[in-house]
Amino acid sequence: MALIMIGLRGAPKCCLLVFVDDATSELGCARFEKSETTLGYMRCVYEHVQKYGIPVSYYSDRHSIFKTSRNDATTQFADTQIN
């Protein structure tokens, strides 16, 4: 998964969320979102599954969107919906 921040002149800033298949280097999904959110990644997962079927696994970078950064989170709830 990758994130690219884009800001075109006169247009609101947005994020490009990207899924790339490591085995084939093929683009699995790419979509613009207003911001990087769990819901945006879930939409990418949905599109990817609709087009290619259920994958063996997904993995991501270590960006905090996939893990809580709260110090008070317990181990049981430390992961987000994606992880």
N, C-alpha and C. Protein backbone atom coordinates (compact mmCIF):
# COMPACT_ATOMS: atom_id res chain seq x y z
N MET A 1 0.84 -1.16 0.00
CA MET A 1 0.00 0.00 0.00
C MET A 1 0.89 1.23 0.00
N ALA A 2 0.44 2.24 -0.66
CA ALA A 2 1.22 3.47 -0.73
C ALA A 2 0.29 4.66 -0.59
N LEU A 3 0.86 5.77 -0.20
CA LEU A 3 0.10 7.00 -0.05
C LEU A 3 0.84 8.11 -0.77
N ILE A 4 0.12 8.87 -1.56
CA ILE A 4 0.69 10.03 -2.23
C ILE A 4 -0.23 11.21 -1.96
N MET A 5 0.31 12.30 -1.43
CA MET A 5 -0.49 13.51 -1.20
C MET A 5 -0.45 14.36 -2.46
N ILE A 6 -1.60 14.83 -2.88
CA ILE A 6 -1.70 15.60 -4.12
C ILE A 6 -2.44 16.90 -3.85
N GLY A 7 -1.94 17.98 -4.38
CA GLY A 7 -2.62 19.26 -4.27
C GLY A 7 -2.47 20.01 -5.58
N LEU A 8 -3.50 19.99 -6.40
CA LEU A 8 -3.47 20.70 -7.68
C LEU A 8 -3.95 22.12 -7.48
N ARG A 9 -3.47 23.02 -8.27
CA ARG A 9 -3.83 24.43 -8.14
C ARG A 9 -5.35 24.59 -8.21
N GLY A 10 -5.93 25.17 -7.17
CA GLY A 10 -7.36 25.43 -7.16
C GLY A 10 -8.22 24.25 -6.73
N ALA A 11 -7.63 23.11 -6.54
CA ALA A 11 -8.38 21.92 -6.14
C ALA A 11 -8.06 21.58 -4.69
N PRO A 12 -8.99 20.96 -3.98
CA PRO A 12 -8.69 20.57 -2.60
C PRO A 12 -7.63 19.48 -2.56
N LYS A 13 -6.84 19.46 -1.50
CA LYS A 13 -5.82 18.42 -1.35
C LYS A 13 -6.51 17.07 -1.17
N CYS A 14 -5.85 16.03 -1.65
CA CYS A 14 -6.39 14.68 -1.50
C CYS A 14 -5.24 13.69 -1.41
N CYS A 15 -5.59 12.45 -1.15
CA CYS A 15 -4.62 11.36 -1.04
C CYS A 15 -4.90 10.34 -2.14
N LEU A 16 -3.86 9.76 -2.66
CA LEU A 16 -3.99 8.64 -3.58
C LEU A 16 -3.57 7.39 -2.83
N LEU A 17 -4.53 6.51 -2.58
CA LEU A 17 -4.26 5.24 -1.92
C LEU A 17 -3.99 4.20 -3.00
N VAL A 18 -2.93 3.42 -2.84
CA VAL A 18 -2.50 2.50 -3.89
C VAL A 18 -2.20 1.13 -3.29
N PHE A 19 -2.70 0.07 -3.95
CA PHE A 19 -2.33 -1.31 -3.63
C PHE A 19 -1.47 -1.82 -4.77
N VAL A 20 -0.33 -2.40 -4.46
CA VAL A 20 0.55 -2.98 -5.47
C VAL A 20 0.83 -4.43 -5.09
N ASP A 21 0.68 -5.33 -6.03
CA ASP A 21 0.97 -6.75 -5.82
C ASP A 21 2.49 -6.92 -5.82
N ASP A 22 3.06 -7.34 -4.69
CA ASP A 22 4.51 -7.50 -4.60
C ASP A 22 5.05 -8.58 -5.53
N ALA A 23 4.28 -9.61 -5.78
CA ALA A 23 4.75 -10.71 -6.62
C ALA A 23 4.84 -10.31 -8.09
N THR A 24 3.87 -9.51 -8.55
CA THR A 24 3.82 -9.18 -9.98
C THR A 24 4.09 -7.70 -10.27
N SER A 25 4.13 -6.88 -9.23
CA SER A 25 4.26 -5.42 -9.35
C SER A 25 3.09 -4.78 -10.09
N GLU A 26 1.97 -5.49 -10.17
CA GLU A 26 0.78 -4.94 -10.82
C GLU A 26 -0.02 -4.10 -9.83
N LEU A 27 -0.68 -3.09 -10.37
CA LEU A 27 -1.52 -2.22 -9.58
C LEU A 27 -2.82 -2.94 -9.23
N GLY A 28 -3.11 -3.08 -7.94
CA GLY A 28 -4.32 -3.76 -7.52
C GLY A 28 -5.48 -2.82 -7.32
N CYS A 29 -5.20 -1.62 -6.86
CA CYS A 29 -6.23 -0.62 -6.64
C CYS A 29 -5.55 0.74 -6.50
N ALA A 30 -6.19 1.75 -7.01
CA ALA A 30 -5.74 3.13 -6.80
C ALA A 30 -6.98 4.01 -6.74
N ARG A 31 -7.08 4.80 -5.69
CA ARG A 31 -8.25 5.67 -5.56
C ARG A 31 -7.87 6.92 -4.80
N PHE A 32 -8.51 8.03 -5.18
CA PHE A 32 -8.32 9.29 -4.50
C PHE A 32 -9.30 9.38 -3.34
N GLU A 33 -8.83 9.85 -2.21
CA GLU A 33 -9.65 10.08 -1.02
C GLU A 33 -9.35 11.46 -0.48
N LYS A 34 -10.28 12.04 0.26
CA LYS A 34 -10.06 13.35 0.86
C LYS A 34 -8.91 13.32 1.87
N SER A 35 -8.80 12.21 2.58
CA SER A 35 -7.71 12.05 3.55
C SER A 35 -7.44 10.56 3.72
N GLU A 36 -6.33 10.26 4.36
CA GLU A 36 -5.96 8.86 4.58
C GLU A 36 -6.71 8.35 5.81
N THR A 37 -7.68 7.48 5.59
CA THR A 37 -8.48 6.95 6.68
C THR A 37 -8.63 5.44 6.54
N THR A 38 -9.02 4.82 7.63
CA THR A 38 -9.30 3.38 7.60
C THR A 38 -10.42 3.09 6.61
N LEU A 39 -11.45 3.93 6.60
CA LEU A 39 -12.58 3.73 5.68
C LEU A 39 -12.12 3.79 4.22
N GLY A 40 -11.21 4.70 3.91
CA GLY A 40 -10.66 4.78 2.54
C GLY A 40 -9.95 3.50 2.15
N TYR A 41 -9.15 2.96 3.06
CA TYR A 41 -8.47 1.69 2.77
C TYR A 41 -9.47 0.55 2.65
N MET A 42 -10.52 0.58 3.46
CA MET A 42 -11.55 -0.46 3.34
C MET A 42 -12.24 -0.41 1.98
N ARG A 43 -12.45 0.80 1.45
CA ARG A 43 -13.02 0.92 0.10
C ARG A 43 -12.07 0.32 -0.93
N CYS A 44 -10.77 0.52 -0.75
CA CYS A 44 -9.78 -0.08 -1.66
C CYS A 44 -9.81 -1.61 -1.56
N VAL A 45 -9.89 -2.11 -0.34
CA VAL A 45 -9.97 -3.56 -0.15
C VAL A 45 -11.20 -4.10 -0.85
N TYR A 46 -12.34 -3.43 -0.70
CA TYR A 46 -13.58 -3.87 -1.34
C TYR A 46 -13.42 -3.92 -2.86
N GLU A 47 -12.89 -2.83 -3.44
CA GLU A 47 -12.67 -2.80 -4.89
C GLU A 47 -11.73 -3.91 -5.34
N HIS A 48 -10.68 -4.12 -4.57
CA HIS A 48 -9.69 -5.14 -4.91
C HIS A 48 -10.31 -6.54 -4.89
N VAL A 49 -11.08 -6.83 -3.85
CA VAL A 49 -11.73 -8.14 -3.73
C VAL A 49 -12.76 -8.33 -4.83
N GLN A 50 -13.51 -7.29 -5.17
CA GLN A 50 -14.50 -7.40 -6.24
C GLN A 50 -13.84 -7.72 -7.58
N LYS A 51 -12.67 -7.15 -7.82
CA LYS A 51 -11.99 -7.33 -9.10
C LYS A 51 -11.16 -8.62 -9.17
N TYR A 52 -10.45 -8.95 -8.07
CA TYR A 52 -9.48 -10.05 -8.11
C TYR A 52 -9.82 -11.22 -7.19
N GLY A 53 -10.83 -11.09 -6.36
CA GLY A 53 -11.13 -12.13 -5.38
C GLY A 53 -10.37 -11.89 -4.09
N ILE A 54 -10.58 -12.78 -3.12
CA ILE A 54 -9.97 -12.62 -1.80
C ILE A 54 -8.51 -13.05 -1.87
N PRO A 55 -7.59 -12.17 -1.46
CA PRO A 55 -6.17 -12.52 -1.50
C PRO A 55 -5.77 -13.41 -0.33
N VAL A 56 -4.61 -14.00 -0.43
CA VAL A 56 -4.08 -14.79 0.68
C VAL A 56 -3.82 -13.89 1.88
N SER A 57 -3.26 -12.70 1.63
CA SER A 57 -3.01 -11.76 2.72
C SER A 57 -2.80 -10.35 2.19
N TYR A 58 -2.94 -9.40 3.08
CA TYR A 58 -2.58 -8.01 2.83
C TYR A 58 -1.52 -7.65 3.86
N TYR A 59 -0.63 -6.77 3.53
CA TYR A 59 0.23 -6.19 4.54
C TYR A 59 0.48 -4.74 4.19
N SER A 60 0.90 -3.98 5.17
CA SER A 60 1.05 -2.54 4.97
C SER A 60 2.37 -2.06 5.54
N ASP A 61 2.64 -0.79 5.28
CA ASP A 61 3.78 -0.17 5.93
C ASP A 61 3.45 0.01 7.40
N ARG A 62 4.32 0.62 8.14
CA ARG A 62 4.08 0.77 9.58
C ARG A 62 3.47 2.13 9.92
N HIS A 63 2.71 2.67 9.02
CA HIS A 63 2.08 3.96 9.24
C HIS A 63 1.07 3.87 10.38
N SER A 64 0.91 4.94 11.13
CA SER A 64 0.03 4.91 12.31
C SER A 64 -1.45 4.78 11.96
N ILE A 65 -1.82 4.90 10.69
CA ILE A 65 -3.22 4.71 10.31
C ILE A 65 -3.65 3.26 10.58
N PHE A 66 -2.69 2.34 10.64
CA PHE A 66 -3.00 0.93 10.85
C PHE A 66 -2.78 0.47 12.29
N LYS A 67 -2.21 1.30 13.11
CA LYS A 67 -2.00 0.99 14.53
C LYS A 67 -2.40 2.21 15.34
N THR A 68 -2.91 1.99 16.52
CA THR A 68 -3.22 3.13 17.37
C THR A 68 -1.93 3.73 17.91
N SER A 69 -1.91 5.02 18.03
CA SER A 69 -0.74 5.69 18.62
C SER A 69 -1.05 6.16 20.04
N ARG A 70 -2.22 5.76 20.53
CA ARG A 70 -2.62 6.14 21.89
C ARG A 70 -1.83 5.33 22.91
N ASN A 71 -1.30 5.99 23.90
CA ASN A 71 -0.55 5.31 24.95
C ASN A 71 -1.44 4.50 25.87
N ASP A 72 -2.71 4.86 25.97
CA ASP A 72 -3.62 4.17 26.89
C ASP A 72 -4.33 2.98 26.26
N ALA A 73 -4.03 2.66 25.02
CA ALA A 73 -4.67 1.51 24.36
C ALA A 73 -4.17 0.22 24.99
N THR A 74 -5.09 -0.69 25.22
CA THR A 74 -4.69 -1.98 25.78
C THR A 74 -4.24 -2.89 24.63
N THR A 75 -3.54 -3.93 24.95
CA THR A 75 -3.07 -4.88 23.94
C THR A 75 -4.23 -5.45 23.14
N GLN A 76 -5.35 -5.72 23.80
CA GLN A 76 -6.50 -6.31 23.13
C GLN A 76 -7.04 -5.42 22.02
N PHE A 77 -6.96 -4.10 22.18
CA PHE A 77 -7.53 -3.18 21.22
C PHE A 77 -6.47 -2.31 20.53
N ALA A 78 -5.24 -2.76 20.51
CA ALA A 78 -4.16 -1.94 19.97
C ALA A 78 -4.22 -1.82 18.44
N ASP A 79 -4.78 -2.81 17.76
CA ASP A 79 -4.85 -2.76 16.30
C ASP A 79 -6.10 -2.04 15.84
N THR A 80 -6.06 -1.50 14.62
CA THR A 80 -7.24 -0.88 14.05
C THR A 80 -8.02 -1.92 13.27
N GLN A 81 -9.06 -1.49 12.55
CA GLN A 81 -9.92 -2.42 11.82
C GLN A 81 -9.15 -3.16 10.73
N ILE A 82 -8.14 -2.54 10.13
CA ILE A 82 -7.39 -3.16 9.03
C ILE A 82 -6.42 -4.20 9.53
N ASN A 83 -5.73 -3.91 10.61
CA ASN A 83 -4.65 -4.77 11.05
C ASN A 83 -5.11 -5.92 11.90
